[in-house]
């Protein structure tokens, strides 16, 4: 799998690529990471490349320039947010299948209640319903 990391300064991209490469050894050992320099005529290494645009407040102008290049070329990409280990985690969640990424604390879907509130007298049910509404 070809993975392209964009949107950060070159030292940050290299650091992220190193950490991501080590983390992917277990799940996708044949992955190739690319961290190109910004250039308007850049093209991905292959059409099946996974492009991750890292969004960071510190490197916002770089990310905006890359976004313009990607949109101008009509390439699909995924934006990931975070700093440090959180950015690494978000990259892994974006790249790995959901069943593989279970150990990365991906939030599960809430259980959907399927009853009639007017005739239900289950206090636990009402508690879940209203606490879910307050949190969401």
C-alpha atoms as a PDB file:
ATOM      1  CA  UNK A   1       0.000   0.000   0.000  1.00  0.00           C
ATOM      2  CA  UNK A   2       1.357   3.410  -0.995  1.00  0.00           C
ATOM      3  CA  UNK A   3       0.701   6.032   1.670  1.00  0.00           C
ATOM      4  CA  UNK A   4       1.317   9.730   1.068  1.00  0.00           C
ATOM      5  CA  UNK A   5       1.604  12.068   4.065  1.00  0.00           C
ATOM      6  CA  UNK A   6       1.087  15.780   3.412  1.00  0.00           C
ATOM      7  CA  UNK A   7       0.322  19.009   5.229  1.00  0.00           C
ATOM      8  CA  UNK A   8       3.087  19.319   7.839  1.00  0.00           C
ATOM      9  CA  UNK A   9       6.574  20.785   7.804  1.00  0.00           C
ATOM     10  CA  UNK A  10       9.178  18.366   6.477  1.00  0.00           C
ATOM     11  CA  UNK A  11      10.709  17.514   9.912  1.00  0.00           C
ATOM     12  CA  UNK A  12       7.255  16.752  11.334  1.00  0.00           C
ATOM     13  CA  UNK A  13       6.351  14.664   8.298  1.00  0.00           C
ATOM     14  CA  UNK A  14       9.536  12.634   8.639  1.00  0.00           C
ATOM     15  CA  UNK A  15       8.885  12.053  12.338  1.00  0.00           C
ATOM     16  CA  UNK A  16       5.288  10.982  11.618  1.00  0.00           C
ATOM     17  CA  UNK A  17       6.406   8.734   8.740  1.00  0.00           C
ATOM     18  CA  UNK A  18       8.937   6.980  10.982  1.00  0.00           C
ATOM     19  CA  UNK A  19       6.393   6.382  13.752  1.00  0.00           C
ATOM     20  CA  UNK A  20       3.699   5.324  11.293  1.00  0.00           C
ATOM     21  CA  UNK A  21       6.072   2.966   9.489  1.00  0.00           C
ATOM     22  CA  UNK A  22       6.915   1.235  12.757  1.00  0.00           C
ATOM     23  CA  UNK A  23       3.253   0.963  13.728  1.00  0.00           C
ATOM     24  CA  UNK A  24       2.232  -0.423  10.323  1.00  0.00           C
ATOM     25  CA  UNK A  25       4.915  -3.152  10.305  1.00  0.00           C
ATOM     26  CA  UNK A  26       2.534  -5.416  12.201  1.00  0.00           C
ATOM     27  CA  UNK A  27      -0.566  -4.729  10.073  1.00  0.00           C
ATOM     28  CA  UNK A  28       0.733  -3.825   6.600  1.00  0.00           C
ATOM     29  CA  UNK A  29       4.414  -4.772   6.290  1.00  0.00           C
ATOM     30  CA  UNK A  30       4.609  -3.951   2.576  1.00  0.00           C
ATOM     31  CA  UNK A  31       3.511  -0.318   3.034  1.00  0.00           C
ATOM     32  CA  UNK A  32       5.549   2.441   1.420  1.00  0.00           C
ATOM     33  CA  UNK A  33       5.393   5.929   2.941  1.00  0.00           C
ATOM     34  CA  UNK A  34       5.957   9.067   0.864  1.00  0.00           C
ATOM     35  CA  UNK A  35       6.508  12.595   2.218  1.00  0.00           C
ATOM     36  CA  UNK A  36       6.892  14.835  -0.861  1.00  0.00           C
ATOM     37  CA  UNK A  37       7.890  18.482  -0.874  1.00  0.00           C
ATOM     38  CA  UNK A  38       5.157  20.929  -1.891  1.00  0.00           C
ATOM     39  CA  UNK A  39       5.030  21.369  -5.627  1.00  0.00           C
ATOM     40  CA  UNK A  40       2.038  22.373  -7.794  1.00  0.00           C
ATOM     41  CA  UNK A  41       2.778  19.706 -10.426  1.00  0.00           C
ATOM     42  CA  UNK A  42       3.147  16.851  -7.914  1.00  0.00           C
ATOM     43  CA  UNK A  43       1.378  13.600  -8.734  1.00  0.00           C
ATOM     44  CA  UNK A  44       0.843  10.595  -6.440  1.00  0.00           C
ATOM     45  CA  UNK A  45       3.122   7.562  -6.831  1.00  0.00           C
ATOM     46  CA  UNK A  46       0.147   5.446  -7.986  1.00  0.00           C
ATOM     47  CA  UNK A  47      -3.567   5.836  -8.531  1.00  0.00           C
ATOM     48  CA  UNK A  48      -4.254   3.585  -5.560  1.00  0.00           C
ATOM     49  CA  UNK A  49      -2.202   5.700  -3.147  1.00  0.00           C
ATOM     50  CA  UNK A  50      -3.830   6.564   0.167  1.00  0.00           C
ATOM     51  CA  UNK A  51      -3.324  10.297   0.672  1.00  0.00           C
ATOM     52  CA  UNK A  52      -3.521  11.668   4.217  1.00  0.00           C
ATOM     53  CA  UNK A  53      -3.584  15.440   4.619  1.00  0.00           C
ATOM     54  CA  UNK A  54      -2.489  16.250   8.169  1.00  0.00           C
ATOM     55  CA  UNK A  55      -4.214  19.345   9.532  1.00  0.00           C
ATOM     56  CA  UNK A  56      -2.397  21.273  12.222  1.00  0.00           C
ATOM     57  CA  UNK A  57      -2.806  24.853  13.396  1.00  0.00           C
ATOM     58  CA  UNK A  58       0.988  25.230  13.379  1.00  0.00           C
ATOM     59  CA  UNK A  59       1.303  24.199   9.731  1.00  0.00           C
ATOM     60  CA  UNK A  60      -2.008  25.568   8.396  1.00  0.00           C
ATOM     61  CA  UNK A  61      -0.504  27.351   5.343  1.00  0.00           C
ATOM     62  CA  UNK A  62       1.230  24.137   4.238  1.00  0.00           C
ATOM     63  CA  UNK A  63      -1.976  22.126   4.598  1.00  0.00           C
ATOM     64  CA  UNK A  64      -3.953  24.759   2.686  1.00  0.00           C
ATOM     65  CA  UNK A  65      -1.438  24.713  -0.172  1.00  0.00           C
ATOM     66  CA  UNK A  66      -1.601  20.916  -0.364  1.00  0.00           C
ATOM     67  CA  UNK A  67      -5.396  20.958  -0.220  1.00  0.00           C
ATOM     68  CA  UNK A  68      -5.448  23.302  -3.226  1.00  0.00           C
ATOM     69  CA  UNK A  69      -3.059  21.029  -5.149  1.00  0.00           C
ATOM     70  CA  UNK A  70      -5.075  17.891  -4.353  1.00  0.00           C
ATOM     71  CA  UNK A  71      -8.406  19.491  -5.219  1.00  0.00           C
ATOM     72  CA  UNK A  72      -6.938  20.988  -8.396  1.00  0.00           C
ATOM     73  CA  UNK A  73      -5.856  17.532  -9.535  1.00  0.00           C
ATOM     74  CA  UNK A  74      -9.138  15.910  -8.502  1.00  0.00           C
ATOM     75  CA  UNK A  75      -7.415  13.482  -6.138  1.00  0.00           C
ATOM     76  CA  UNK A  76      -9.210  11.868  -3.236  1.00  0.00           C
ATOM     77  CA  UNK A  77      -7.646  12.366   0.181  1.00  0.00           C
ATOM     78  CA  UNK A  78      -8.501  12.128   3.844  1.00  0.00           C
ATOM     79  CA  UNK A  79      -7.875  14.876   6.374  1.00  0.00           C
ATOM     80  CA  UNK A  80      -6.529  13.789   9.762  1.00  0.00           C
ATOM     81  CA  UNK A  81      -6.275  16.034  12.811  1.00  0.00           C
ATOM     82  CA  UNK A  82      -4.134  15.740  15.896  1.00  0.00           C
ATOM     83  CA  UNK A  83      -0.805  16.482  17.524  1.00  0.00           C
ATOM     84  CA  UNK A  84       1.911  13.950  18.320  1.00  0.00           C
ATOM     85  CA  UNK A  85       0.599  10.533  19.323  1.00  0.00           C
ATOM     86  CA  UNK A  86      -2.992  11.570  18.609  1.00  0.00           C
ATOM     87  CA  UNK A  87      -2.059  12.328  14.982  1.00  0.00           C
ATOM     88  CA  UNK A  88      -0.402   8.921  14.694  1.00  0.00           C
ATOM     89  CA  UNK A  89      -3.521   7.265  16.110  1.00  0.00           C
ATOM     90  CA  UNK A  90      -5.768   9.141  13.677  1.00  0.00           C
ATOM     91  CA  UNK A  91      -3.569   8.090  10.740  1.00  0.00           C
ATOM     92  CA  UNK A  92      -3.792   4.457  11.820  1.00  0.00           C
ATOM     93  CA  UNK A  93      -7.570   4.699  12.177  1.00  0.00           C
ATOM     94  CA  UNK A  94      -7.774   6.168   8.674  1.00  0.00           C
ATOM     95  CA  UNK A  95      -5.580   3.480   7.114  1.00  0.00           C
ATOM     96  CA  UNK A  96      -6.558   0.285   8.889  1.00  0.00           C
ATOM     97  CA  UNK A  97      -9.813  -1.645   8.497  1.00  0.00           C
ATOM     98  CA  UNK A  98     -12.231  -1.142  11.432  1.00  0.00           C
ATOM     99  CA  UNK A  99     -11.814  -4.700  12.729  1.00  0.00           C
ATOM    100  CA  UNK A 100      -8.023  -4.241  12.835  1.00  0.00           C
ATOM    101  CA  UNK A 101      -8.243  -0.835  14.530  1.00  0.00           C
ATOM    102  CA  UNK A 102     -10.355  -2.080  17.470  1.00  0.00           C
ATOM    103  CA  UNK A 103      -7.435  -1.773  19.897  1.00  0.00           C
ATOM    104  CA  UNK A 104      -7.054   1.919  19.091  1.00  0.00           C
ATOM    105  CA  UNK A 105     -10.085   2.908  21.178  1.00  0.00           C
ATOM    106  CA  UNK A 106     -12.401   3.660  18.277  1.00  0.00           C
ATOM    107  CA  UNK A 107     -15.753   4.538  19.814  1.00  0.00           C
ATOM    108  CA  UNK A 108     -18.491   1.991  19.361  1.00  0.00           C
ATOM    109  CA  UNK A 109     -21.910   2.921  18.085  1.00  0.00           C
ATOM    110  CA  UNK A 110     -24.496   3.542  20.803  1.00  0.00           C
ATOM    111  CA  UNK A 111     -27.236   0.958  21.163  1.00  0.00           C
ATOM    112  CA  UNK A 112     -30.374   2.234  19.510  1.00  0.00           C
ATOM    113  CA  UNK A 113     -33.458   1.837  21.639  1.00  0.00           C
ATOM    114  CA  UNK A 114     -36.431   0.313  19.805  1.00  0.00           C
ATOM    115  CA  UNK A 115     -39.465   0.644  22.011  1.00  0.00           C
ATOM    116  CA  UNK A 116     -42.370   2.918  22.728  1.00  0.00           C
ATOM    117  CA  UNK A 117     -41.567   5.554  25.365  1.00  0.00           C
ATOM    118  CA  UNK A 118     -45.171   6.305  26.302  1.00  0.00           C
ATOM    119  CA  UNK A 119     -45.858   2.765  27.496  1.00  0.00           C
ATOM    120  CA  UNK A 120     -42.403   1.913  28.832  1.00  0.00           C
ATOM    121  CA  UNK A 121     -41.715   2.181  32.543  1.00  0.00           C
ATOM    122  CA  UNK A 122     -38.130   0.940  32.510  1.00  0.00           C
ATOM    123  CA  UNK A 123     -36.072   3.621  34.357  1.00  0.00           C
ATOM    124  CA  UNK A 124     -32.790   2.335  32.883  1.00  0.00           C
ATOM    125  CA  UNK A 125     -34.192   2.765  29.407  1.00  0.00           C
ATOM    126  CA  UNK A 126     -35.209   6.381  30.075  1.00  0.00           C
ATOM    127  CA  UNK A 127     -31.832   7.071  31.639  1.00  0.00           C
ATOM    128  CA  UNK A 128     -29.980   5.822  28.529  1.00  0.00           C
ATOM    129  CA  UNK A 129     -32.277   7.742  26.226  1.00  0.00           C
ATOM    130  CA  UNK A 130     -31.962  11.091  27.981  1.00  0.00           C
ATOM    131  CA  UNK A 131     -28.276  10.812  28.848  1.00  0.00           C
ATOM    132  CA  UNK A 132     -27.555   9.965  25.192  1.00  0.00           C
ATOM    133  CA  UNK A 133     -29.485  13.050  24.093  1.00  0.00           C
ATOM    134  CA  UNK A 134     -27.603  15.268  26.539  1.00  0.00           C
ATOM    135  CA  UNK A 135     -24.208  13.935  25.445  1.00  0.00           C
ATOM    136  CA  UNK A 136     -24.926  14.018  21.706  1.00  0.00           C
END
